[in-house]
């Protein structure tokens, strides 16, 4: 008989451990952990910034999940990566919490070649 797969409980200890592990990673600038409703429960950001990020990224997560659920076969969002010129945000939803990590991208400038083969920095 196969053992039942159980979801780990998302307790304060679990949240603190996730936060601590992310804090140790190089390049991580901000961490935001939200509950299943999208409310910040632990963060390294200022309160207003945390609320703004939580609202915007939770909205984006819901739209991406709605899109993925309409695919054939339906898919589940595991990681959402959003990259800009200055930052990269990784959003990882699971059953009870959503983790948002804002980090500094490794390469700060994109190198592009023009039609003559010259390298340009954007």
PDB file of N, CA and C in Angstrom:
ATOM      1  N   UNK A   1       0.842  -1.186   0.000  1.00  0.00           N
ATOM      2  CA  UNK A   1       0.000   0.000   0.000  1.00  0.00           C
ATOM      3  C   UNK A   1       0.883   1.243   0.000  1.00  0.00           C
ATOM      4  N   UNK A   2       0.524   2.204  -0.819  1.00  0.00           N
ATOM      5  CA  UNK A   2       1.336   3.403  -0.982  1.00  0.00           C
ATOM      6  C   UNK A   2       0.969   4.444   0.064  1.00  0.00           C
ATOM      7  N   UNK A   3       1.976   5.104   0.618  1.00  0.00           N
ATOM      8  CA  UNK A   3       1.741   6.143   1.617  1.00  0.00           C
ATOM      9  C   UNK A   3       1.103   7.353   0.943  1.00  0.00           C
ATOM     10  N   UNK A   4       0.172   7.969   1.613  1.00  0.00           N
ATOM     11  CA  UNK A   4      -0.522   9.140   1.065  1.00  0.00           C
ATOM     12  C   UNK A   4       0.431  10.325   1.016  1.00  0.00           C
ATOM     13  N   UNK A   5       0.426  11.034  -0.112  1.00  0.00           N
ATOM     14  CA  UNK A   5       1.231  12.238  -0.250  1.00  0.00           C
ATOM     15  C   UNK A   5       0.533  13.366   0.495  1.00  0.00           C
ATOM     16  N   UNK A   6       1.215  13.966   1.443  1.00  0.00           N
ATOM     17  CA  UNK A   6       0.617  15.056   2.203  1.00  0.00           C
ATOM     18  C   UNK A   6       1.397  16.333   1.947  1.00  0.00           C
ATOM     19  N   UNK A   7       0.665  17.416   1.870  1.00  0.00           N
ATOM     20  CA  UNK A   7       1.284  18.734   1.711  1.00  0.00           C
ATOM     21  C   UNK A   7       1.915  19.125   3.040  1.00  0.00           C
ATOM     22  N   UNK A   8       3.148  19.650   3.027  1.00  0.00           N
ATOM     23  CA  UNK A   8       3.724  20.117   4.285  1.00  0.00           C
ATOM     24  C   UNK A   8       2.936  21.314   4.808  1.00  0.00           C
ATOM     25  N   UNK A   9       2.815  21.394   6.112  1.00  0.00           N
ATOM     26  CA  UNK A   9       2.095  22.510   6.711  1.00  0.00           C
ATOM     27  C   UNK A   9       2.901  23.784   6.545  1.00  0.00           C
ATOM     28  N   UNK A  10       2.227  24.856   6.208  1.00  0.00           N
ATOM     29  CA  UNK A  10       2.876  26.146   6.004  1.00  0.00           C
ATOM     30  C   UNK A  10       2.739  26.947   7.295  1.00  0.00           C
ATOM     31  N   UNK A  11       3.589  26.640   8.235  1.00  0.00           N
ATOM     32  CA  UNK A  11       3.560  27.285   9.539  1.00  0.00           C
ATOM     33  C   UNK A  11       4.499  28.483   9.553  1.00  0.00           C
ATOM     34  N   UNK A  12       4.511  29.205  10.660  1.00  0.00           N
ATOM     35  CA  UNK A  12       5.421  30.331  10.815  1.00  0.00           C
ATOM     36  C   UNK A  12       6.873  29.849  10.744  1.00  0.00           C
ATOM     37  N   UNK A  13       7.147  28.687  11.300  1.00  0.00           N
ATOM     38  CA  UNK A  13       8.495  28.133  11.246  1.00  0.00           C
ATOM     39  C   UNK A  13       8.901  27.859   9.799  1.00  0.00           C
ATOM     40  N   UNK A  14       7.996  27.297   9.021  1.00  0.00           N
ATOM     41  CA  UNK A  14       8.259  27.034   7.606  1.00  0.00           C
ATOM     42  C   UNK A  14       8.541  28.341   6.866  1.00  0.00           C
ATOM     43  N   UNK A  15       7.710  29.352   7.091  1.00  0.00           N
ATOM     44  CA  UNK A  15       7.874  30.654   6.453  1.00  0.00           C
ATOM     45  C   UNK A  15       9.208  31.288   6.836  1.00  0.00           C
ATOM     46  N   UNK A  16       9.552  31.224   8.110  1.00  0.00           N
ATOM     47  CA  UNK A  16      10.826  31.782   8.569  1.00  0.00           C
ATOM     48  C   UNK A  16      12.012  31.062   7.932  1.00  0.00           C
ATOM     49  N   UNK A  17      11.907  29.739   7.788  1.00  0.00           N
ATOM     50  CA  UNK A  17      12.988  28.965   7.191  1.00  0.00           C
ATOM     51  C   UNK A  17      13.158  29.310   5.713  1.00  0.00           C
ATOM     52  N   UNK A  18      12.059  29.439   4.976  1.00  0.00           N
ATOM     53  CA  UNK A  18      12.117  29.838   3.566  1.00  0.00           C
ATOM     54  C   UNK A  18      12.757  31.219   3.451  1.00  0.00           C
ATOM     55  N   UNK A  19      12.335  32.143   4.298  1.00  0.00           N
ATOM     56  CA  UNK A  19      12.880  33.503   4.284  1.00  0.00           C
ATOM     57  C   UNK A  19      14.386  33.487   4.555  1.00  0.00           C
ATOM     58  N   UNK A  20      14.807  32.720   5.555  1.00  0.00           N
ATOM     59  CA  UNK A  20      16.221  32.647   5.924  1.00  0.00           C
ATOM     60  C   UNK A  20      17.060  32.079   4.781  1.00  0.00           C
ATOM     61  N   UNK A  21      16.565  31.020   4.138  1.00  0.00           N
ATOM     62  CA  UNK A  21      17.302  30.408   3.028  1.00  0.00           C
ATOM     63  C   UNK A  21      17.434  31.364   1.841  1.00  0.00           C
ATOM     64  N   UNK A  22      16.385  32.106   1.550  1.00  0.00           N
ATOM     65  CA  UNK A  22      16.435  33.060   0.436  1.00  0.00           C
ATOM     66  C   UNK A  22      17.354  34.231   0.745  1.00  0.00           C
ATOM     67  N   UNK A  23      17.371  34.644   1.996  1.00  0.00           N
ATOM     68  CA  UNK A  23      18.207  35.771   2.417  1.00  0.00           C
ATOM     69  C   UNK A  23      19.695  35.483   2.194  1.00  0.00           C
ATOM     70  N   UNK A  24      20.068  34.209   2.278  1.00  0.00           N
ATOM     71  CA  UNK A  24      21.461  33.811   2.136  1.00  0.00           C
ATOM     72  C   UNK A  24      21.923  33.753   0.685  1.00  0.00           C
ATOM     73  N   UNK A  25      21.003  33.751  -0.261  1.00  0.00           N
ATOM     74  CA  UNK A  25      21.353  33.640  -1.675  1.00  0.00           C
ATOM     75  C   UNK A  25      21.974  34.934  -2.188  1.00  0.00           C
ATOM     76  N   UNK A  26      23.039  34.835  -2.982  1.00  0.00           N
ATOM     77  CA  UNK A  26      23.652  36.042  -3.534  1.00  0.00           C
ATOM     78  C   UNK A  26      22.753  36.680  -4.589  1.00  0.00           C
ATOM     79  N   UNK A  27      22.747  38.007  -4.627  1.00  0.00           N
ATOM     80  CA  UNK A  27      21.979  38.730  -5.630  1.00  0.00           C
ATOM     81  C   UNK A  27      20.554  39.043  -5.228  1.00  0.00           C
ATOM     82  N   UNK A  28      20.073  38.455  -4.137  1.00  0.00           N
ATOM     83  CA  UNK A  28      18.698  38.704  -3.701  1.00  0.00           C
ATOM     84  C   UNK A  28      18.621  40.080  -3.053  1.00  0.00           C
ATOM     85  N   UNK A  29      17.739  40.922  -3.569  1.00  0.00           N
ATOM     86  CA  UNK A  29      17.575  42.269  -3.034  1.00  0.00           C
ATOM     87  C   UNK A  29      16.380  42.371  -2.096  1.00  0.00           C
ATOM     88  N   UNK A  30      15.259  41.783  -2.478  1.00  0.00           N
ATOM     89  CA  UNK A  30      14.049  41.848  -1.656  1.00  0.00           C
ATOM     90  C   UNK A  30      13.342  40.505  -1.666  1.00  0.00           C
ATOM     91  N   UNK A  31      12.672  40.211  -0.555  1.00  0.00           N
ATOM     92  CA  UNK A  31      11.894  38.987  -0.411  1.00  0.00           C
ATOM     93  C   UNK A  31      10.515  39.380   0.083  1.00  0.00           C
ATOM     94  N   UNK A  32       9.501  38.740  -0.495  1.00  0.00           N
ATOM     95  CA  UNK A  32       8.124  38.979  -0.077  1.00  0.00           C
ATOM     96  C   UNK A  32       7.416  37.637  -0.030  1.00  0.00           C
ATOM     97  N   UNK A  33       6.919  37.273   1.131  1.00  0.00           N
ATOM     98  CA  UNK A  33       6.149  36.045   1.278  1.00  0.00           C
ATOM     99  C   UNK A  33       4.713  36.448   1.578  1.00  0.00           C
ATOM    100  N   UNK A  34       3.783  35.918   0.750  1.00  0.00           N
ATOM    101  CA  UNK A  34       2.363  36.260   0.872  1.00  0.00           C
ATOM    102  C   UNK A  34       1.563  35.020   1.250  1.00  0.00           C
ATOM    103  N   UNK A  35       0.425  35.235   1.915  1.00  0.00           N
ATOM    104  CA  UNK A  35      -0.463  34.118   2.202  1.00  0.00           C
ATOM    105  C   UNK A  35      -1.286  33.796   0.961  1.00  0.00           C
ATOM    106  N   UNK A  36      -2.200  32.840   1.059  1.00  0.00           N
ATOM    107  CA  UNK A  36      -2.966  32.409  -0.118  1.00  0.00           C
ATOM    108  C   UNK A  36      -3.885  33.501  -0.656  1.00  0.00           C
ATOM    109  N   UNK A  37      -4.145  34.540   0.128  1.00  0.00           N
ATOM    110  CA  UNK A  37      -4.979  35.660  -0.328  1.00  0.00           C
ATOM    111  C   UNK A  37      -4.165  36.788  -0.949  1.00  0.00           C
ATOM    112  N   UNK A  38      -2.839  36.663  -0.953  1.00  0.00           N
ATOM    113  CA  UNK A  38      -1.987  37.698  -1.528  1.00  0.00           C
ATOM    114  C   UNK A  38      -1.597  38.787  -0.544  1.00  0.00           C
ATOM    115  N   UNK A  39      -1.796  38.542   0.749  1.00  0.00           N
ATOM    116  CA  UNK A  39      -1.451  39.525   1.780  1.00  0.00           C
ATOM    117  C   UNK A  39      -0.029  39.240   2.270  1.00  0.00           C
ATOM    118  N   UNK A  40       0.851  40.262   2.294  1.00  0.00           N
ATOM    119  CA  UNK A  40       2.219  40.042   2.768  1.00  0.00           C
ATOM    120  C   UNK A  40       2.246  39.577   4.224  1.00  0.00           C
ATOM    121  N   UNK A  41       2.995  38.492   4.477  1.00  0.00           N
ATOM    122  CA  UNK A  41       3.129  38.010   5.853  1.00  0.00           C
ATOM    123  C   UNK A  41       4.562  38.133   6.366  1.00  0.00           C
ATOM    124  N   UNK A  42       5.536  38.186   5.449  1.00  0.00           N
ATOM    125  CA  UNK A  42       6.929  38.410   5.849  1.00  0.00           C
ATOM    126  C   UNK A  42       7.640  39.031   4.660  1.00  0.00           C
ATOM    127  N   UNK A  43       8.396  40.106   4.922  1.00  0.00           N
ATOM    128  CA  UNK A  43       9.033  40.812   3.821  1.00  0.00           C
ATOM    129  C   UNK A  43      10.263  41.574   4.286  1.00  0.00           C
ATOM    130  N   UNK A  44      11.125  41.875   3.325  1.00  0.00           N
ATOM    131  CA  UNK A  44      12.279  42.734   3.593  1.00  0.00           C
ATOM    132  C   UNK A  44      12.038  44.133   3.032  1.00  0.00           C
ATOM    133  N   UNK A  45      10.869  44.350   2.433  1.00  0.00           N
ATOM    134  CA  UNK A  45      10.528  45.633   1.815  1.00  0.00           C
ATOM    135  C   UNK A  45       9.847  46.558   2.813  1.00  0.00           C
ATOM    136  N   UNK A  46       9.782  47.828   2.442  1.00  0.00           N
ATOM    137  CA  UNK A  46       8.961  48.772   3.198  1.00  0.00           C
ATOM    138  C   UNK A  46       7.504  48.342   3.047  1.00  0.00           C
ATOM    139  N   UNK A  47       6.670  48.689   4.016  1.00  0.00           N
ATOM    140  CA  UNK A  47       5.277  48.238   4.020  1.00  0.00           C
ATOM    141  C   UNK A  47       4.528  48.632   2.744  1.00  0.00           C
ATOM    142  N   UNK A  48       4.648  49.884   2.321  1.00  0.00           N
ATOM    143  CA  UNK A  48       3.933  50.348   1.139  1.00  0.00           C
ATOM    144  C   UNK A  48       4.413  49.625  -0.123  1.00  0.00           C
ATOM    145  N   UNK A  49       5.730  49.442  -0.251  1.00  0.00           N
ATOM    146  CA  UNK A  49       6.275  48.717  -1.395  1.00  0.00           C
ATOM    147  C   UNK A  49       5.811  47.267  -1.397  1.00  0.00           C
ATOM    148  N   UNK A  50       5.787  46.659  -0.223  1.00  0.00           N
ATOM    149  CA  UNK A  50       5.344  45.264  -0.123  1.00  0.00           C
ATOM    150  C   UNK A  50       3.889  45.119  -0.555  1.00  0.00           C
ATOM    151  N   UNK A  51       3.037  46.034  -0.127  1.00  0.00           N
ATOM    152  CA  UNK A  51       1.624  45.973  -0.515  1.00  0.00           C
ATOM    153  C   UNK A  51       1.459  46.172  -2.021  1.00  0.00           C
ATOM    154  N   UNK A  52       2.216  47.104  -2.582  1.00  0.00           N
ATOM    155  CA  UNK A  52       2.133  47.360  -4.017  1.00  0.00           C
ATOM    156  C   UNK A  52       2.617  46.146  -4.814  1.00  0.00           C
ATOM    157  N   UNK A  53       3.776  45.583  -4.450  1.00  0.00           N
ATOM    158  CA  UNK A  53       4.294  44.400  -5.134  1.00  0.00           C
ATOM    159  C   UNK A  53       3.329  43.229  -4.990  1.00  0.00           C
ATOM    160  N   UNK A  54       2.796  43.036  -3.797  1.00  0.00           N
ATOM    161  CA  UNK A  54       1.877  41.917  -3.558  1.00  0.00           C
ATOM    162  C   UNK A  54       0.649  42.027  -4.449  1.00  0.00           C
ATOM    163  N   UNK A  55       0.082  43.213  -4.530  1.00  0.00           N
ATOM    164  CA  UNK A  55      -1.110  43.433  -5.341  1.00  0.00           C
ATOM    165  C   UNK A  55      -0.824  43.192  -6.818  1.00  0.00           C
ATOM    166  N   UNK A  56       0.242  43.783  -7.327  1.00  0.00           N
ATOM    167  CA  UNK A  56       0.553  43.675  -8.748  1.00  0.00           C
ATOM    168  C   UNK A  56       0.944  42.255  -9.155  1.00  0.00           C
ATOM    169  N   UNK A  57       1.809  41.614  -8.383  1.00  0.00           N
ATOM    170  CA  UNK A  57       2.263  40.277  -8.752  1.00  0.00           C
ATOM    171  C   UNK A  57       1.186  39.219  -8.511  1.00  0.00           C
ATOM    172  N   UNK A  58       0.343  39.417  -7.513  1.00  0.00           N
ATOM    173  CA  UNK A  58      -0.759  38.479  -7.296  1.00  0.00           C
ATOM    174  C   UNK A  58      -1.741  38.558  -8.462  1.00  0.00           C
ATOM    175  N   UNK A  59      -1.996  39.752  -8.946  1.00  0.00           N
ATOM    176  CA  UNK A  59      -2.862  39.940 -10.101  1.00  0.00           C
ATOM    177  C   UNK A  59      -2.262  39.261 -11.337  1.00  0.00           C
ATOM    178  N   UNK A  60      -0.958  39.439 -11.551  1.00  0.00           N
ATOM    179  CA  UNK A  60      -0.270  38.810 -12.676  1.00  0.00           C
ATOM    180  C   UNK A  60      -0.299  37.288 -12.547  1.00  0.00           C
ATOM    181  N   UNK A  61      -0.093  36.775 -11.342  1.00  0.00           N
ATOM    182  CA  UNK A  61      -0.125  35.329 -11.107  1.00  0.00           C
ATOM    183  C   UNK A  61      -1.489  34.756 -11.447  1.00  0.00           C
ATOM    184  N   UNK A  62      -2.557  35.436 -11.018  1.00  0.00           N
ATOM    185  CA  UNK A  62      -3.913  34.960 -11.301  1.00  0.00           C
ATOM    186  C   UNK A  62      -4.178  34.916 -12.801  1.00  0.00           C
ATOM    187  N   UNK A  63      -3.735  35.944 -13.533  1.00  0.00           N
ATOM    188  CA  UNK A  63      -3.947  35.976 -14.982  1.00  0.00           C
ATOM    189  C   UNK A  63      -3.160  34.877 -15.681  1.00  0.00           C
ATOM    190  N   UNK A  64      -1.933  34.652 -15.266  1.00  0.00           N
ATOM    191  CA  UNK A  64      -1.127  33.582 -15.855  1.00  0.00           C
ATOM    192  C   UNK A  64      -1.737  32.216 -15.565  1.00  0.00           C
ATOM    193  N   UNK A  65      -2.213  32.019 -14.344  1.00  0.00           N
ATOM    194  CA  UNK A  65      -2.824  30.742 -13.986  1.00  0.00           C
ATOM    195  C   UNK A  65      -4.113  30.519 -14.771  1.00  0.00           C
ATOM    196  N   UNK A  66      -4.896  31.564 -14.971  1.00  0.00           N
ATOM    197  CA  UNK A  66      -6.121  31.445 -15.758  1.00  0.00           C
ATOM    198  C   UNK A  66      -5.794  31.047 -17.202  1.00  0.00           C
ATOM    199  N   UNK A  67      -4.749  31.642 -17.766  1.00  0.00           N
ATOM    200  CA  UNK A  67      -4.322  31.298 -19.120  1.00  0.00           C
ATOM    201  C   UNK A  67      -3.868  29.846 -19.190  1.00  0.00           C
ATOM    202  N   UNK A  68      -3.047  29.435 -18.235  1.00  0.00           N
ATOM    203  CA  UNK A  68      -2.521  28.071 -18.247  1.00  0.00           C
ATOM    204  C   UNK A  68      -3.610  27.020 -18.044  1.00  0.00           C
ATOM    205  N   UNK A  69      -4.630  27.358 -17.282  1.00  0.00           N
ATOM    206  CA  UNK A  69      -5.704  26.391 -17.034  1.00  0.00           C
ATOM    207  C   UNK A  69      -6.548  26.162 -18.280  1.00  0.00           C
ATOM    208  N   UNK A  70      -6.496  27.091 -19.251  1.00  0.00           N
ATOM    209  CA  UNK A  70      -7.263  26.948 -20.493  1.00  0.00           C
ATOM    210  C   UNK A  70      -6.508  26.159 -21.554  1.00  0.00           C
ATOM    211  N   UNK A  71      -5.238  25.852 -21.297  1.00  0.00           N
ATOM    212  CA  UNK A  71      -4.455  25.082 -22.254  1.00  0.00           C
ATOM    213  C   UNK A  71      -4.922  23.634 -22.259  1.00  0.00           C
ATOM    214  N   UNK A  72      -4.572  22.927 -23.307  1.00  0.00           N
ATOM    215  CA  UNK A  72      -4.947  21.517 -23.408  1.00  0.00           C
ATOM    216  C   UNK A  72      -3.688  20.679 -23.395  1.00  0.00           C
ATOM    217  N   UNK A  73      -3.371  19.891 -22.433  1.00  0.00           N
ATOM    218  CA  UNK A  73      -4.059  19.725 -21.158  1.00  0.00           C
ATOM    219  C   UNK A  73      -3.775  20.913 -20.233  1.00  0.00           C
ATOM    220  N   UNK A  74      -4.661  21.142 -19.257  1.00  0.00           N
ATOM    221  CA  UNK A  74      -4.459  22.260 -18.324  1.00  0.00           C
ATOM    222  C   UNK A  74      -3.115  22.153 -17.605  1.00  0.00           C
ATOM    223  N   UNK A  75      -2.470  23.289 -17.441  1.00  0.00           N
ATOM    224  CA  UNK A  75      -1.161  23.356 -16.800  1.00  0.00           C
ATOM    225  C   UNK A  75      -1.264  24.085 -15.469  1.00  0.00           C
ATOM    226  N   UNK A  76      -0.276  23.882 -14.620  1.00  0.00           N
ATOM    227  CA  UNK A  76      -0.229  24.528 -13.319  1.00  0.00           C
ATOM    228  C   UNK A  76       0.997  25.431 -13.268  1.00  0.00           C
ATOM    229  N   UNK A  77       0.822  26.654 -12.797  1.00  0.00           N
ATOM    230  CA  UNK A  77       1.931  27.607 -12.691  1.00  0.00           C
ATOM    231  C   UNK A  77       2.827  27.190 -11.531  1.00  0.00           C
ATOM    232  N   UNK A  78       4.110  26.982 -11.815  1.00  0.00           N
ATOM    233  CA  UNK A  78       5.051  26.630 -10.757  1.00  0.00           C
ATOM    234  C   UNK A  78       6.015  27.772 -10.458  1.00  0.00           C
ATOM    235  N   UNK A  79       6.506  28.454 -11.498  1.00  0.00           N
ATOM    236  CA  UNK A  79       7.401  29.602 -11.321  1.00  0.00           C
ATOM    237  C   UNK A  79       7.096  30.611 -12.415  1.00  0.00           C
ATOM    238  N   UNK A  80       7.043  31.863 -12.020  1.00  0.00           N
ATOM    239  CA  UNK A  80       6.867  32.954 -12.974  1.00  0.00           C
ATOM    240  C   UNK A  80       8.084  33.863 -12.849  1.00  0.00           C
ATOM    241  N   UNK A  81       8.770  34.070 -13.963  1.00  0.00           N
ATOM    242  CA  UNK A  81       9.981  34.896 -13.956  1.00  0.00           C
ATOM    243  C   UNK A  81       9.721  36.123 -14.810  1.00  0.00           C
ATOM    244  N   UNK A  82       9.894  37.294 -14.210  1.00  0.00           N
ATOM    245  CA  UNK A  82       9.706  38.564 -14.902  1.00  0.00           C
ATOM    246  C   UNK A  82      11.033  39.309 -14.828  1.00  0.00           C
ATOM    247  N   UNK A  83      11.537  39.710 -15.987  1.00  0.00           N
ATOM    248  CA  UNK A  83      12.832  40.377 -16.010  1.00  0.00           C
ATOM    249  C   UNK A  83      12.715  41.743 -16.666  1.00  0.00           C
ATOM    250  N   UNK A  84      13.322  42.724 -16.021  1.00  0.00           N
ATOM    251  CA  UNK A  84      13.409  44.069 -16.575  1.00  0.00           C
ATOM    252  C   UNK A  84      14.884  44.419 -16.734  1.00  0.00           C
ATOM    253  N   UNK A  85      15.155  45.640 -17.170  1.00  0.00           N
ATOM    254  CA  UNK A  85      16.558  46.042 -17.301  1.00  0.00           C
ATOM    255  C   UNK A  85      17.267  46.061 -15.960  1.00  0.00           C
ATOM    256  N   UNK A  86      16.567  46.418 -14.902  1.00  0.00           N
ATOM    257  CA  UNK A  86      17.212  46.608 -13.599  1.00  0.00           C
ATOM    258  C   UNK A  86      17.048  45.442 -12.636  1.00  0.00           C
ATOM    259  N   UNK A  87      15.947  44.716 -12.733  1.00  0.00           N
ATOM    260  CA  UNK A  87      15.656  43.666 -11.765  1.00  0.00           C
ATOM    261  C   UNK A  87      15.075  42.428 -12.432  1.00  0.00           C
ATOM    262  N   UNK A  88      15.035  41.388 -11.640  1.00  0.00           N
ATOM    263  CA  UNK A  88      14.386  40.156 -12.052  1.00  0.00           C
ATOM    264  C   UNK A  88      13.535  39.710 -10.865  1.00  0.00           C
ATOM    265  N   UNK A  89      12.288  39.376 -11.128  1.00  0.00           N
ATOM    266  CA  UNK A  89      11.388  38.931 -10.062  1.00  0.00           C
ATOM    267  C   UNK A  89      10.996  37.494 -10.334  1.00  0.00           C
ATOM    268  N   UNK A  90      11.107  36.667  -9.318  1.00  0.00           N
ATOM    269  CA  UNK A  90      10.703  35.274  -9.397  1.00  0.00           C
ATOM    270  C   UNK A  90       9.531  35.069  -8.452  1.00  0.00           C
ATOM    271  N   UNK A  91       8.446  34.545  -8.969  1.00  0.00           N
ATOM    272  CA  UNK A  91       7.232  34.324  -8.202  1.00  0.00           C
ATOM    273  C   UNK A  91       6.978  32.824  -8.162  1.00  0.00           C
ATOM    274  N   UNK A  92       6.883  32.267  -6.951  1.00  0.00           N
ATOM    275  CA  UNK A  92       6.671  30.847  -6.790  1.00  0.00           C
ATOM    276  C   UNK A  92       5.441  30.608  -5.930  1.00  0.00           C
ATOM    277  N   UNK A  93       4.307  30.284  -6.538  1.00  0.00           N
ATOM    278  CA  UNK A  93       3.108  29.998  -5.754  1.00  0.00           C
ATOM    279  C   UNK A  93       3.058  28.524  -5.356  1.00  0.00           C
ATOM    280  N   UNK A  94       2.477  28.256  -4.208  1.00  0.00           N
ATOM    281  CA  UNK A  94       2.142  26.885  -3.864  1.00  0.00           C
ATOM    282  C   UNK A  94       0.839  26.914  -3.071  1.00  0.00           C
ATOM    283  N   UNK A  95       0.489  25.851  -2.418  1.00  0.00           N
ATOM    284  CA  UNK A  95      -0.818  25.743  -1.791  1.00  0.00           C
ATOM    285  C   UNK A  95      -1.183  26.841  -0.819  1.00  0.00           C
ATOM    286  N   UNK A  96      -0.289  27.210   0.064  1.00  0.00           N
ATOM    287  CA  UNK A  96      -0.634  28.147   1.129  1.00  0.00           C
ATOM    288  C   UNK A  96       0.105  29.474   1.079  1.00  0.00           C
ATOM    289  N   UNK A  97       1.296  29.491   0.481  1.00  0.00           N
ATOM    290  CA  UNK A  97       2.059  30.739   0.418  1.00  0.00           C
ATOM    291  C   UNK A  97       2.544  30.991  -1.002  1.00  0.00           C
ATOM    292  N   UNK A  98       2.868  32.237  -1.272  1.00  0.00           N
ATOM    293  CA  UNK A  98       3.495  32.633  -2.529  1.00  0.00           C
ATOM    294  C   UNK A  98       4.757  33.406  -2.175  1.00  0.00           C
ATOM    295  N   UNK A  99       5.857  33.029  -2.791  1.00  0.00           N
ATOM    296  CA  UNK A  99       7.136  33.673  -2.510  1.00  0.00           C
ATOM    297  C   UNK A  99       7.531  34.510  -3.724  1.00  0.00           C
ATOM    298  N   UNK A 100       7.831  35.781  -3.478  1.00  0.00           N
ATOM    299  CA  UNK A 100       8.313  36.696  -4.504  1.00  0.00           C
ATOM    300  C   UNK A 100       9.722  37.118  -4.127  1.00  0.00           C
ATOM    301  N   UNK A 101      10.660  36.902  -5.037  1.00  0.00           N
ATOM    302  CA  UNK A 101      12.051  37.292  -4.810  1.00  0.00           C
ATOM    303  C   UNK A 101      12.439  38.275  -5.897  1.00  0.00           C
ATOM    304  N   UNK A 102      12.929  39.432  -5.495  1.00  0.00           N
ATOM    305  CA  UNK A 102      13.443  40.427  -6.441  1.00  0.00           C
ATOM    306  C   UNK A 102      14.957  40.355  -6.344  1.00  0.00           C
ATOM    307  N   UNK A 103      15.581  40.128  -7.488  1.00  0.00           N
ATOM    308  CA  UNK A 103      17.033  40.004  -7.472  1.00  0.00           C
ATOM    309  C   UNK A 103      17.659  40.834  -8.571  1.00  0.00           C
ATOM    310  N   UNK A 104      18.950  40.996  -8.444  1.00  0.00           N
ATOM    311  CA  UNK A 104      19.734  41.726  -9.419  1.00  0.00           C
ATOM    312  C   UNK A 104      20.124  40.742 -10.513  1.00  0.00           C
ATOM    313  N   UNK A 105      19.761  41.005 -11.785  1.00  0.00           N
ATOM    314  CA  UNK A 105      20.140  40.066 -12.841  1.00  0.00           C
ATOM    315  C   UNK A 105      21.648  40.023 -13.002  1.00  0.00           C
ATOM    316  N   UNK A 106      22.160  38.868 -13.406  1.00  0.00           N
ATOM    317  CA  UNK A 106      23.603  38.676 -13.493  1.00  0.00           C
ATOM    318  C   UNK A 106      24.255  39.581 -14.533  1.00  0.00           C
ATOM    319  N   UNK A 107      23.686  39.671 -15.725  1.00  0.00           N
ATOM    320  CA  UNK A 107      24.259  40.558 -16.731  1.00  0.00           C
ATOM    321  C   UNK A 107      23.426  41.829 -16.781  1.00  0.00           C
ATOM    322  N   UNK A 108      24.060  42.950 -16.522  1.00  0.00           N
ATOM    323  CA  UNK A 108      23.321  44.209 -16.419  1.00  0.00           C
ATOM    324  C   UNK A 108      23.096  44.864 -17.772  1.00  0.00           C
ATOM    325  N   UNK A 109      23.850  44.484 -18.783  1.00  0.00           N
ATOM    326  CA  UNK A 109      23.680  45.072 -20.105  1.00  0.00           C
ATOM    327  C   UNK A 109      23.521  43.959 -21.128  1.00  0.00           C
ATOM    328  N   UNK A 110      22.634  44.177 -22.058  1.00  0.00           N
ATOM    329  CA  UNK A 110      22.455  43.229 -23.146  1.00  0.00           C
ATOM    330  C   UNK A 110      23.380  43.614 -24.285  1.00  0.00           C
ATOM    331  N   UNK A 111      24.072  42.641 -24.820  1.00  0.00           N
ATOM    332  CA  UNK A 111      24.944  42.898 -25.969  1.00  0.00           C
ATOM    333  C   UNK A 111      24.235  42.384 -27.211  1.00  0.00           C
ATOM    334  N   UNK A 112      24.138  43.260 -28.189  1.00  0.00           N
ATOM    335  CA  UNK A 112      23.451  42.952 -29.431  1.00  0.00           C
ATOM    336  C   UNK A 112      24.394  43.273 -30.582  1.00  0.00           C
ATOM    337  N   UNK A 113      24.320  42.482 -31.647  1.00  0.00           N
ATOM    338  CA  UNK A 113      25.133  42.784 -32.817  1.00  0.00           C
ATOM    339  C   UNK A 113      24.264  43.473 -33.859  1.00  0.00           C
ATOM    340  N   UNK A 114      24.826  44.531 -34.453  1.00  0.00           N
ATOM    341  CA  UNK A 114      24.098  45.194 -35.519  1.00  0.00           C
ATOM    342  C   UNK A 114      24.307  44.411 -36.821  1.00  0.00           C
ATOM    343  N   UNK A 115      23.749  44.910 -37.907  1.00  0.00           N
ATOM    344  CA  UNK A 115      23.807  44.208 -39.188  1.00  0.00           C
ATOM    345  C   UNK A 115      25.240  44.047 -39.711  1.00  0.00           C
ATOM    346  N   UNK A 116      26.138  44.917 -39.301  1.00  0.00           N
ATOM    347  CA  UNK A 116      27.531  44.831 -39.762  1.00  0.00           C
ATOM    348  C   UNK A 116      28.371  43.948 -38.845  1.00  0.00           C
ATOM    349  N   UNK A 117      27.770  43.413 -37.776  1.00  0.00           N
ATOM    350  CA  UNK A 117      28.523  42.539 -36.868  1.00  0.00           C
ATOM    351  C   UNK A 117      29.172  43.253 -35.715  1.00  0.00           C
ATOM    352  N   UNK A 118      28.927  44.560 -35.596  1.00  0.00           N
ATOM    353  CA  UNK A 118      29.487  45.330 -34.476  1.00  0.00           C
ATOM    354  C   UNK A 118      28.676  45.064 -33.232  1.00  0.00           C
ATOM    355  N   UNK A 119      29.352  44.943 -32.097  1.00  0.00           N
ATOM    356  CA  UNK A 119      28.687  44.676 -30.831  1.00  0.00           C
ATOM    357  C   UNK A 119      28.192  45.987 -30.223  1.00  0.00           C
ATOM    358  N   UNK A 120      26.918  46.026 -29.857  1.00  0.00           N
ATOM    359  CA  UNK A 120      26.308  47.195 -29.246  1.00  0.00           C
ATOM    360  C   UNK A 120      25.838  46.851 -27.841  1.00  0.00           C
ATOM    361  N   UNK A 121      25.962  47.776 -26.925  1.00  0.00           N
ATOM    362  CA  UNK A 121      25.456  47.596 -25.577  1.00  0.00           C
ATOM    363  C   UNK A 121      24.191  48.416 -25.423  1.00  0.00           C
ATOM    364  N   UNK A 122      23.149  47.772 -24.959  1.00  0.00           N
ATOM    365  CA  UNK A 122      21.855  48.456 -24.778  1.00  0.00           C
ATOM    366  C   UNK A 122      21.690  48.823 -23.328  1.00  0.00           C
TER     367      UNK A 122
END
